[in-house]
Amino acid sequence: MSNIYKVIEIIGGSDKSWEDAAKKAVETAAKNLKEIRIAEVKELDMRVEKNKVVEYRVKLRVSFKYVP
């Protein structure tokens, strides 16, 4: 029997770094998704207020095992 995987996009944020934003996003998603297989960085951006970076944001494409 072959496995089927579903792909979704998620966005994570952190005041520390893009890496921290990605880690938090995957760890949070893993609480509701079973068997996350791959998280691919699609886009990086920052939220800026008063000329200072206040948040690093990362958009991820995540694949996980589909169980109907």
PDB file of N, CA and C in Angstrom:
ATOM      1  N   MET A   1       0.840  -1.179   0.000  1.00  0.00           N
ATOM      2  CA  MET A   1       0.000   0.000   0.000  1.00  0.00           C
ATOM      3  C   MET A   1       0.889   1.247   0.000  1.00  0.00           C
ATOM      4  N   SER A   2       0.582   2.196  -0.848  1.00  0.00           N
ATOM      5  CA  SER A   2       1.374   3.420  -0.914  1.00  0.00           C
ATOM      6  C   SER A   2       0.771   4.491   0.005  1.00  0.00           C
ATOM      7  N   ASN A   3       1.617   5.416   0.410  1.00  0.00           N
ATOM      8  CA  ASN A   3       1.175   6.501   1.274  1.00  0.00           C
ATOM      9  C   ASN A   3       0.756   7.702   0.443  1.00  0.00           C
ATOM     10  N   ILE A   4      -0.149   8.482   0.989  1.00  0.00           N
ATOM     11  CA  ILE A   4      -0.597   9.717   0.354  1.00  0.00           C
ATOM     12  C   ILE A   4      -0.270  10.857   1.313  1.00  0.00           C
ATOM     13  N   TYR A   5       0.247  11.951   0.758  1.00  0.00           N
ATOM     14  CA  TYR A   5       0.605  13.098   1.568  1.00  0.00           C
ATOM     15  C   TYR A   5      -0.176  14.327   1.114  1.00  0.00           C
ATOM     16  N   LYS A   6      -0.532  15.154   2.062  1.00  0.00           N
ATOM     17  CA  LYS A   6      -1.220  16.413   1.779  1.00  0.00           C
ATOM     18  C   LYS A   6      -0.228  17.543   2.002  1.00  0.00           C
ATOM     19  N   VAL A   7      -0.376  18.629   1.242  1.00  0.00           N
ATOM     20  CA  VAL A   7       0.513  19.773   1.349  1.00  0.00           C
ATOM     21  C   VAL A   7      -0.323  21.009   1.689  1.00  0.00           C
ATOM     22  N   ILE A   8       0.124  21.746   2.712  1.00  0.00           N
ATOM     23  CA  ILE A   8      -0.534  22.994   3.105  1.00  0.00           C
ATOM     24  C   ILE A   8       0.538  24.067   3.298  1.00  0.00           C
ATOM     25  N   GLU A   9       0.107  25.321   3.380  1.00  0.00           N
ATOM     26  CA  GLU A   9       1.020  26.409   3.702  1.00  0.00           C
ATOM     27  C   GLU A   9       0.677  26.950   5.081  1.00  0.00           C
ATOM     28  N   ILE A  10       1.718  27.233   5.851  1.00  0.00           N
ATOM     29  CA  ILE A  10       1.550  27.830   7.170  1.00  0.00           C
ATOM     30  C   ILE A  10       2.515  29.015   7.278  1.00  0.00           C
ATOM     31  N   ILE A  11       2.215  29.927   8.186  1.00  0.00           N
ATOM     32  CA  ILE A  11       3.073  31.089   8.410  1.00  0.00           C
ATOM     33  C   ILE A  11       3.389  31.150   9.900  1.00  0.00           C
ATOM     34  N   GLY A  12       4.683  31.308  10.211  1.00  0.00           N
ATOM     35  CA  GLY A  12       5.112  31.427  11.596  1.00  0.00           C
ATOM     36  C   GLY A  12       5.821  32.744  11.818  1.00  0.00           C
ATOM     37  N   GLY A  13       5.818  33.210  13.058  1.00  0.00           N
ATOM     38  CA  GLY A  13       6.480  34.458  13.384  1.00  0.00           C
ATOM     39  C   GLY A  13       7.301  34.342  14.654  1.00  0.00           C
ATOM     40  N   SER A  14       8.343  35.175  14.744  1.00  0.00           N
ATOM     41  CA  SER A  14       9.195  35.209  15.922  1.00  0.00           C
ATOM     42  C   SER A  14       9.849  36.576  16.016  1.00  0.00           C
ATOM     43  N   ASP A  15      10.107  37.013  17.232  1.00  0.00           N
ATOM     44  CA  ASP A  15      10.843  38.262  17.403  1.00  0.00           C
ATOM     45  C   ASP A  15      12.350  38.023  17.425  1.00  0.00           C
ATOM     46  N   LYS A  16      12.777  36.749  17.301  1.00  0.00           N
ATOM     47  CA  LYS A  16      14.203  36.400  17.364  1.00  0.00           C
ATOM     48  C   LYS A  16      14.844  36.205  15.998  1.00  0.00           C
ATOM     49  N   SER A  17      14.254  35.301  15.162  1.00  0.00           N
ATOM     50  CA  SER A  17      14.893  34.961  13.889  1.00  0.00           C
ATOM     51  C   SER A  17      13.913  34.220  12.986  1.00  0.00           C
ATOM     52  N   TRP A  18      14.295  34.112  11.696  1.00  0.00           N
ATOM     53  CA  TRP A  18      13.492  33.314  10.772  1.00  0.00           C
ATOM     54  C   TRP A  18      13.531  31.846  11.164  1.00  0.00           C
ATOM     55  N   GLU A  19      14.679  31.380  11.613  1.00  0.00           N
ATOM     56  CA  GLU A  19      14.800  29.979  12.022  1.00  0.00           C
ATOM     57  C   GLU A  19      13.863  29.663  13.179  1.00  0.00           C
ATOM     58  N   ASP A  20      13.796  30.572  14.135  1.00  0.00           N
ATOM     59  CA  ASP A  20      12.902  30.387  15.276  1.00  0.00           C
ATOM     60  C   ASP A  20      11.446  30.428  14.829  1.00  0.00           C
ATOM     61  N   ALA A  21      11.132  31.301  13.892  1.00  0.00           N
ATOM     62  CA  ALA A  21       9.765  31.380  13.363  1.00  0.00           C
ATOM     63  C   ALA A  21       9.374  30.073  12.684  1.00  0.00           C
ATOM     64  N   ALA A  22      10.287  29.506  11.891  1.00  0.00           N
ATOM     65  CA  ALA A  22      10.005  28.247  11.198  1.00  0.00           C
ATOM     66  C   ALA A  22       9.841  27.109  12.193  1.00  0.00           C
ATOM     67  N   LYS A  23      10.723  27.043  13.171  1.00  0.00           N
ATOM     68  CA  LYS A  23      10.653  25.983  14.182  1.00  0.00           C
ATOM     69  C   LYS A  23       9.338  26.037  14.949  1.00  0.00           C
ATOM     70  N   LYS A  24       8.960  27.238  15.383  1.00  0.00           N
ATOM     71  CA  LYS A  24       7.695  27.392  16.122  1.00  0.00           C
ATOM     72  C   LYS A  24       6.497  26.994  15.260  1.00  0.00           C
ATOM     73  N   ALA A  25       6.520  27.368  13.990  1.00  0.00           N
ATOM     74  CA  ALA A  25       5.405  27.049  13.099  1.00  0.00           C
ATOM     75  C   ALA A  25       5.250  25.539  12.940  1.00  0.00           C
ATOM     76  N   VAL A  26       6.371  24.844  12.713  1.00  0.00           N
ATOM     77  CA  VAL A  26       6.309  23.387  12.531  1.00  0.00           C
ATOM     78  C   VAL A  26       5.894  22.706  13.825  1.00  0.00           C
ATOM     79  N   GLU A  27       6.451  23.126  14.949  1.00  0.00           N
ATOM     80  CA  GLU A  27       6.100  22.500  16.227  1.00  0.00           C
ATOM     81  C   GLU A  27       4.631  22.716  16.584  1.00  0.00           C
ATOM     82  N   THR A  28       4.100  23.884  16.279  1.00  0.00           N
ATOM     83  CA  THR A  28       2.685  24.148  16.534  1.00  0.00           C
ATOM     84  C   THR A  28       1.805  23.322  15.608  1.00  0.00           C
ATOM     85  N   ALA A  29       2.157  23.271  14.321  1.00  0.00           N
ATOM     86  CA  ALA A  29       1.379  22.476  13.360  1.00  0.00           C
ATOM     87  C   ALA A  29       1.402  20.999  13.726  1.00  0.00           C
ATOM     88  N   ALA A  30       2.529  20.516  14.250  1.00  0.00           N
ATOM     89  CA  ALA A  30       2.673  19.099  14.593  1.00  0.00           C
ATOM     90  C   ALA A  30       1.708  18.655  15.694  1.00  0.00           C
ATOM     91  N   LYS A  31       1.177  19.602  16.442  1.00  0.00           N
ATOM     92  CA  LYS A  31       0.208  19.253  17.484  1.00  0.00           C
ATOM     93  C   LYS A  31      -1.100  18.758  16.868  1.00  0.00           C
ATOM     94  N   ASN A  32      -1.391  19.162  15.624  1.00  0.00           N
ATOM     95  CA  ASN A  32      -2.642  18.781  14.976  1.00  0.00           C
ATOM     96  C   ASN A  32      -2.468  17.940  13.716  1.00  0.00           C
ATOM     97  N   LEU A  33      -1.262  17.902  13.175  1.00  0.00           N
ATOM     98  CA  LEU A  33      -1.004  17.132  11.955  1.00  0.00           C
ATOM     99  C   LEU A  33      -0.166  15.914  12.293  1.00  0.00           C
ATOM    100  N   LYS A  34      -0.503  14.802  11.695  1.00  0.00           N
ATOM    101  CA  LYS A  34       0.245  13.574  11.959  1.00  0.00           C
ATOM    102  C   LYS A  34       1.315  13.365  10.902  1.00  0.00           C
ATOM    103  N   GLU A  35       2.469  12.979  11.369  1.00  0.00           N
ATOM    104  CA  GLU A  35       3.584  12.594  10.506  1.00  0.00           C
ATOM    105  C   GLU A  35       3.971  13.663   9.490  1.00  0.00           C
ATOM    106  N   ILE A  36       4.333  14.836  10.002  1.00  0.00           N
ATOM    107  CA  ILE A  36       4.879  15.862   9.109  1.00  0.00           C
ATOM    108  C   ILE A  36       6.151  15.311   8.500  1.00  0.00           C
ATOM    109  N   ARG A  37       6.275  15.451   7.211  1.00  0.00           N
ATOM    110  CA  ARG A  37       7.387  14.866   6.475  1.00  0.00           C
ATOM    111  C   ARG A  37       8.416  15.905   6.067  1.00  0.00           C
ATOM    112  N   ILE A  38       7.965  17.000   5.501  1.00  0.00           N
ATOM    113  CA  ILE A  38       8.869  18.021   4.989  1.00  0.00           C
ATOM    114  C   ILE A  38       8.261  19.397   5.236  1.00  0.00           C
ATOM    115  N   ALA A  39       9.114  20.344   5.583  1.00  0.00           N
ATOM    116  CA  ALA A  39       8.713  21.747   5.668  1.00  0.00           C
ATOM    117  C   ALA A  39       9.677  22.524   4.775  1.00  0.00           C
ATOM    118  N   GLU A  40       9.144  23.152   3.760  1.00  0.00           N
ATOM    119  CA  GLU A  40       9.951  23.876   2.774  1.00  0.00           C
ATOM    120  C   GLU A  40       9.698  25.372   2.922  1.00  0.00           C
ATOM    121  N   VAL A  41      10.764  26.141   3.082  1.00  0.00           N
ATOM    122  CA  VAL A  41      10.630  27.590   3.196  1.00  0.00           C
ATOM    123  C   VAL A  41      10.270  28.158   1.830  1.00  0.00           C
ATOM    124  N   LYS A  42       9.158  28.881   1.773  1.00  0.00           N
ATOM    125  CA  LYS A  42       8.688  29.481   0.518  1.00  0.00           C
ATOM    126  C   LYS A  42       8.967  30.980   0.465  1.00  0.00           C
ATOM    127  N   GLU A  43       8.896  31.636   1.623  1.00  0.00           N
ATOM    128  CA  GLU A  43       9.023  33.096   1.628  1.00  0.00           C
ATOM    129  C   GLU A  43       9.457  33.568   3.011  1.00  0.00           C
ATOM    130  N   LEU A  44      10.306  34.585   3.037  1.00  0.00           N
ATOM    131  CA  LEU A  44      10.724  35.223   4.279  1.00  0.00           C
ATOM    132  C   LEU A  44      10.338  36.700   4.214  1.00  0.00           C
ATOM    133  N   ASP A  45       9.839  37.223   5.320  1.00  0.00           N
ATOM    134  CA  ASP A  45       9.613  38.665   5.387  1.00  0.00           C
ATOM    135  C   ASP A  45       9.739  39.120   6.832  1.00  0.00           C
ATOM    136  N   MET A  46       9.686  40.429   7.014  1.00  0.00           N
ATOM    137  CA  MET A  46       9.798  41.023   8.348  1.00  0.00           C
ATOM    138  C   MET A  46       8.717  42.065   8.520  1.00  0.00           C
ATOM    139  N   ARG A  47       8.243  42.171   9.751  1.00  0.00           N
ATOM    140  CA  ARG A  47       7.327  43.245  10.088  1.00  0.00           C
ATOM    141  C   ARG A  47       8.170  44.343  10.736  1.00  0.00           C
ATOM    142  N   VAL A  48       7.997  45.567  10.242  1.00  0.00           N
ATOM    143  CA  VAL A  48       8.812  46.698  10.698  1.00  0.00           C
ATOM    144  C   VAL A  48       7.896  47.761  11.290  1.00  0.00           C
ATOM    145  N   GLU A  49       8.279  48.263  12.463  1.00  0.00           N
ATOM    146  CA  GLU A  49       7.559  49.358  13.105  1.00  0.00           C
ATOM    147  C   GLU A  49       8.572  50.400  13.551  1.00  0.00           C
ATOM    148  N   LYS A  50       8.324  51.652  13.200  1.00  0.00           N
ATOM    149  CA  LYS A  50       9.206  52.766  13.571  1.00  0.00           C
ATOM    150  C   LYS A  50      10.652  52.465  13.189  1.00  0.00           C
ATOM    151  N   ASN A  51      10.828  51.949  11.981  1.00  0.00           N
ATOM    152  CA  ASN A  51      12.146  51.645  11.413  1.00  0.00           C
ATOM    153  C   ASN A  51      12.917  50.549  12.142  1.00  0.00           C
ATOM    154  N   LYS A  52      12.222  49.718  12.919  1.00  0.00           N
ATOM    155  CA  LYS A  52      12.871  48.604  13.609  1.00  0.00           C
ATOM    156  C   LYS A  52      12.133  47.309  13.291  1.00  0.00           C
ATOM    157  N   VAL A  53      12.906  46.246  13.099  1.00  0.00           N
ATOM    158  CA  VAL A  53      12.318  44.930  12.864  1.00  0.00           C
ATOM    159  C   VAL A  53      11.698  44.446  14.169  1.00  0.00           C
ATOM    160  N   VAL A  54      10.399  44.131  14.123  1.00  0.00           N
ATOM    161  CA  VAL A  54       9.709  43.657  15.323  1.00  0.00           C
ATOM    162  C   VAL A  54       9.290  42.192  15.207  1.00  0.00           C
ATOM    163  N   GLU A  55       9.305  41.655  13.975  1.00  0.00           N
ATOM    164  CA  GLU A  55       8.933  40.252  13.811  1.00  0.00           C
ATOM    165  C   GLU A  55       9.514  39.700  12.517  1.00  0.00           C
ATOM    166  N   TYR A  56      10.098  38.504  12.634  1.00  0.00           N
ATOM    167  CA  TYR A  56      10.538  37.743  11.467  1.00  0.00           C
ATOM    168  C   TYR A  56       9.422  36.764  11.133  1.00  0.00           C
ATOM    169  N   ARG A  57       9.045  36.717   9.848  1.00  0.00           N
ATOM    170  CA  ARG A  57       7.962  35.817   9.447  1.00  0.00           C
ATOM    171  C   ARG A  57       8.441  34.893   8.338  1.00  0.00           C
ATOM    172  N   VAL A  58       7.968  33.664   8.389  1.00  0.00           N
ATOM    173  CA  VAL A  58       8.338  32.674   7.385  1.00  0.00           C
ATOM    174  C   VAL A  58       7.087  31.942   6.905  1.00  0.00           C
ATOM    175  N   LYS A  59       6.974  31.803   5.590  1.00  0.00           N
ATOM    176  CA  LYS A  59       5.882  31.027   5.006  1.00  0.00           C
ATOM    177  C   LYS A  59       6.467  29.670   4.619  1.00  0.00           C
ATOM    178  N   LEU A  60       5.846  28.606   5.099  1.00  0.00           N
ATOM    179  CA  LEU A  60       6.326  27.251   4.857  1.00  0.00           C
ATOM    180  C   LEU A  60       5.299  26.437   4.097  1.00  0.00           C
ATOM    181  N   ARG A  61       5.778  25.584   3.231  1.00  0.00           N
ATOM    182  CA  ARG A  61       4.931  24.560   2.615  1.00  0.00           C
ATOM    183  C   ARG A  61       5.248  23.266   3.360  1.00  0.00           C
ATOM    184  N   VAL A  62       4.220  22.677   3.977  1.00  0.00           N
ATOM    185  CA  VAL A  62       4.384  21.513   4.841  1.00  0.00           C
ATOM    186  C   VAL A  62       3.644  20.326   4.255  1.00  0.00           C
ATOM    187  N   SER A  63       4.326  19.188   4.195  1.00  0.00           N
ATOM    188  CA  SER A  63       3.637  17.961   3.749  1.00  0.00           C
ATOM    189  C   SER A  63       3.534  17.007   4.938  1.00  0.00           C
ATOM    190  N   PHE A  64       2.396  16.332   4.994  1.00  0.00           N
ATOM    191  CA  PHE A  64       2.152  15.388   6.085  1.00  0.00           C
ATOM    192  C   PHE A  64       1.323  14.224   5.551  1.00  0.00           C
ATOM    193  N   LYS A  65       1.398  13.121   6.257  1.00  0.00           N
ATOM    194  CA  LYS A  65       0.702  11.905   5.833  1.00  0.00           C
ATOM    195  C   LYS A  65      -0.806  12.123   5.910  1.00  0.00           C
ATOM    196  N   TYR A  66      -1.486  11.817   4.820  1.00  0.00           N
ATOM    197  CA  TYR A  66      -2.935  11.960   4.726  1.00  0.00           C
ATOM    198  C   TYR A  66      -3.579  10.662   5.200  1.00  0.00           C
ATOM    199  N   VAL A  67      -4.426  10.767   6.197  1.00  0.00           N
ATOM    200  CA  VAL A  67      -5.164   9.605   6.714  1.00  0.00           C
ATOM    201  C   VAL A  67      -6.639   9.925   6.648  1.00  0.00           C
ATOM    202  N   PRO A  68      -7.351   9.340   5.666  1.00  0.00           N
ATOM    203  CA  PRO A  68      -8.783   9.654   5.517  1.00  0.00           C
ATOM    204  C   PRO A  68      -9.627   9.175   6.687  1.00  0.00           C
TER     205      PRO A  68
END
